[in-house]
Amino acid sequence: MKFIKSVILAVALFAPFMTYAMTDDEQIEFMGAVTEGDTATVNKYLDSGVASVKDVFFGWSPLLSAAAKNQLAVVKVLAERGADINYRHPITKMTASAHAAYDGNNDLLEYLLQKGADPNIKIRGGVSLLRMAADQGNAETVKLLTKYGAKDDGCKDDKCF
């Protein structure tokens, strides 16, 4: 009898997690939609509950992945649904705003800053977003970051990378 109760309890506790776990094919389709700008598919997965804005795949959140591929429309969908704007990759410490600053994507960067992205967040090695943009020669990005309060208090070498 104790065994049956244990099995019932285990099923009751873990069934909700098994129901919403993404298959490999679903994960590939969802993350493909995120990086290719397919907002309809992204919304389909989020609406169904199969995917979440808080999911992380090998250190990459959906928002971080969308920003790395300059997919502003997908970033907006994910941000509006509660994605962590300041999520940092566990190894590189890159954020969505760091990708935007590095790429000089000022539309994406300004959107993220308006949504609360930290303009003074550092990536690996203590590199500031301002320093990253300056090293890339993105003068307009430097102006934008400064407008939102960024300070160049990261690495102090001639070039950070």
Protein backbone atom coordinates (compact mmCIF):
# COMPACT_ATOMS: atom_id res chain seq x y z
CA MET A 1 0.00 0.00 0.00
CA LYS A 2 2.85 2.39 0.80
CA PHE A 3 4.34 1.70 -2.62
CA ILE A 4 1.08 2.59 -4.39
CA LYS A 5 0.79 5.81 -2.38
CA SER A 6 4.38 6.67 -3.28
CA VAL A 7 3.74 6.09 -6.98
CA ILE A 8 0.57 8.19 -6.91
CA LEU A 9 2.40 10.99 -5.10
CA ALA A 10 5.32 10.87 -7.57
CA VAL A 11 2.97 11.03 -10.55
CA ALA A 12 1.00 13.88 -9.00
CA LEU A 13 4.16 15.88 -8.32
CA PHE A 14 5.97 15.28 -11.60
CA ALA A 15 3.15 14.94 -14.15
CA PRO A 16 2.80 18.71 -14.66
CA PHE A 17 6.50 18.97 -15.50
CA MET A 18 6.41 16.06 -17.93
CA THR A 19 3.39 17.52 -19.72
CA TYR A 20 5.13 20.77 -20.58
CA ALA A 21 8.65 19.55 -21.30
CA MET A 22 9.77 20.41 -24.81
CA THR A 23 10.86 17.68 -27.12
CA ASP A 24 14.11 18.15 -29.01
CA ASP A 25 12.17 18.99 -32.17
CA GLU A 26 10.07 21.57 -30.32
CA GLN A 27 13.16 23.13 -28.78
CA ILE A 28 14.81 23.40 -32.20
CA GLU A 29 11.67 24.90 -33.74
CA PHE A 30 11.17 27.37 -30.88
CA MET A 31 14.78 28.57 -30.75
CA GLY A 32 14.89 28.69 -34.56
CA ALA A 33 11.85 30.97 -34.48
CA VAL A 34 13.51 33.11 -31.80
CA THR A 35 16.69 33.62 -33.82
CA GLU A 36 14.96 34.00 -37.19
CA GLY A 37 12.39 36.56 -36.06
CA ASP A 38 9.30 34.35 -36.38
CA THR A 39 7.09 36.01 -33.77
CA ALA A 40 4.04 33.90 -34.69
CA THR A 41 5.83 30.67 -33.79
CA VAL A 42 7.39 32.21 -30.68
CA ASN A 43 3.93 33.32 -29.50
CA LYS A 44 2.48 29.88 -30.31
CA TYR A 45 5.00 28.17 -28.04
CA LEU A 46 4.64 30.74 -25.26
CA ASP A 47 0.83 30.70 -25.43
CA SER A 48 0.75 26.91 -25.23
CA GLY A 49 2.96 26.87 -22.15
CA VAL A 50 5.42 24.50 -23.80
CA ALA A 51 8.06 27.24 -23.79
CA SER A 52 8.72 30.01 -21.30
CA VAL A 53 10.63 33.28 -21.45
CA LYS A 54 12.61 31.94 -18.49
CA ASP A 55 13.84 28.82 -20.31
CA VAL A 56 17.60 28.53 -20.76
CA PHE A 57 19.26 26.37 -23.40
CA PHE A 58 23.01 25.81 -22.91
CA GLY A 59 23.24 29.15 -21.11
CA TRP A 60 21.15 31.03 -23.69
CA SER A 61 17.78 32.49 -22.75
CA PRO A 62 15.35 33.17 -25.60
CA LEU A 63 15.82 36.93 -25.12
CA LEU A 64 19.62 36.66 -25.23
CA SER A 65 19.41 34.53 -28.37
CA ALA A 66 17.03 36.96 -30.09
CA ALA A 67 19.24 39.93 -29.23
CA ALA A 68 22.36 38.16 -30.49
CA LYS A 69 20.61 37.78 -33.85
CA ASN A 70 19.26 41.37 -33.83
CA GLN A 71 15.63 40.23 -33.74
CA LEU A 72 13.97 43.31 -32.23
CA ALA A 73 10.40 42.08 -32.84
CA VAL A 74 11.09 38.84 -30.93
CA VAL A 75 12.89 40.73 -28.17
CA LYS A 76 9.78 42.88 -27.77
CA VAL A 77 7.51 39.82 -27.54
CA LEU A 78 9.76 38.20 -24.93
CA ALA A 79 10.22 41.40 -22.91
CA GLU A 80 6.49 42.08 -22.85
CA ARG A 81 5.97 38.56 -21.51
CA GLY A 82 8.38 39.09 -18.62
CA ALA A 83 11.79 37.98 -19.89
CA ASP A 84 14.72 39.01 -17.71
CA ILE A 85 16.17 42.01 -19.58
CA ASN A 86 19.47 41.72 -17.70
CA TYR A 87 19.92 37.94 -18.02
CA ARG A 88 23.65 37.18 -18.29
CA HIS A 89 25.16 34.21 -20.06
CA PRO A 90 26.84 32.17 -17.30
CA ILE A 91 30.25 32.06 -19.02
CA THR A 92 30.61 35.13 -21.23
CA LYS A 93 28.43 37.34 -18.99
CA MET A 94 26.97 38.79 -22.21
CA THR A 95 23.50 40.34 -21.98
CA ALA A 96 20.98 41.31 -24.63
CA SER A 97 22.13 44.93 -24.29
CA ALA A 98 25.78 43.85 -24.64
CA HIS A 99 24.98 42.16 -27.94
CA ALA A 100 23.12 45.25 -29.13
CA ALA A 101 25.97 47.57 -28.06
CA TYR A 102 28.60 45.37 -29.71
CA ASP A 103 26.61 45.21 -32.95
CA GLY A 104 25.78 48.93 -32.90
CA ASN A 105 22.08 48.06 -33.02
CA ASN A 106 20.85 51.25 -31.42
CA ASP A 107 17.13 50.55 -31.95
CA LEU A 108 17.45 47.29 -30.04
CA LEU A 109 19.72 48.82 -27.42
CA GLU A 110 17.42 51.77 -26.77
CA TYR A 111 14.41 49.47 -26.45
CA LEU A 112 16.26 47.35 -23.89
CA LEU A 113 17.43 50.42 -21.97
CA GLN A 114 13.87 51.78 -21.91
CA LYS A 115 12.73 48.42 -20.52
CA GLY A 116 15.25 48.65 -17.68
CA ALA A 117 18.45 47.12 -19.04
CA ASP A 118 21.40 48.13 -16.86
CA PRO A 119 23.66 50.44 -18.91
CA ASN A 120 26.54 49.75 -16.51
CA ILE A 121 26.45 45.96 -16.56
CA LYS A 122 29.80 44.32 -17.31
CA ILE A 123 30.61 41.32 -19.44
CA ARG A 124 33.43 38.87 -18.79
CA GLY A 125 36.70 40.58 -17.95
CA GLY A 126 34.94 43.61 -16.46
CA VAL A 127 34.30 45.17 -19.88
CA SER A 128 31.63 47.86 -19.78
CA LEU A 129 29.07 48.30 -22.55
CA LEU A 130 30.43 51.78 -23.14
CA ARG A 131 33.95 50.46 -23.58
CA MET A 132 32.73 47.70 -25.87
CA ALA A 133 30.89 50.18 -28.10
CA ALA A 134 33.86 52.56 -28.16
CA ASP A 135 36.28 49.76 -29.08
CA GLN A 136 33.95 48.79 -31.93
CA GLY A 137 33.95 52.41 -33.16
CA ASN A 138 30.20 52.81 -32.55
CA ALA A 139 30.08 56.52 -31.65
CA GLU A 140 26.28 56.70 -31.80
CA THR A 141 26.03 53.72 -29.46
CA VAL A 142 28.42 55.45 -27.05
CA LYS A 143 26.16 58.54 -27.10
CA LEU A 144 23.08 56.41 -26.50
CA LEU A 145 24.63 54.55 -23.58
CA THR A 146 25.85 57.82 -22.05
CA LYS A 147 22.32 59.25 -22.37
CA TYR A 148 21.09 56.36 -20.22
CA GLY A 149 23.80 56.83 -17.57
CA ALA A 150 26.53 54.45 -18.70
CA LYS A 151 29.98 55.00 -17.21
CA ASP A 152 33.25 53.65 -18.54
CA ASP A 153 34.50 52.01 -15.37
CA GLY A 154 35.31 48.63 -16.87
CA CYS A 155 38.72 47.38 -17.96
CA LYS A 156 41.41 50.04 -18.26
CA ASP A 157 43.71 48.62 -20.96
CA ASP A 158 44.10 50.31 -24.36
CA LYS A 159 41.72 47.72 -25.76
CA CYS A 160 39.66 45.27 -23.76
CA PHE A 161 39.55 42.58 -26.44
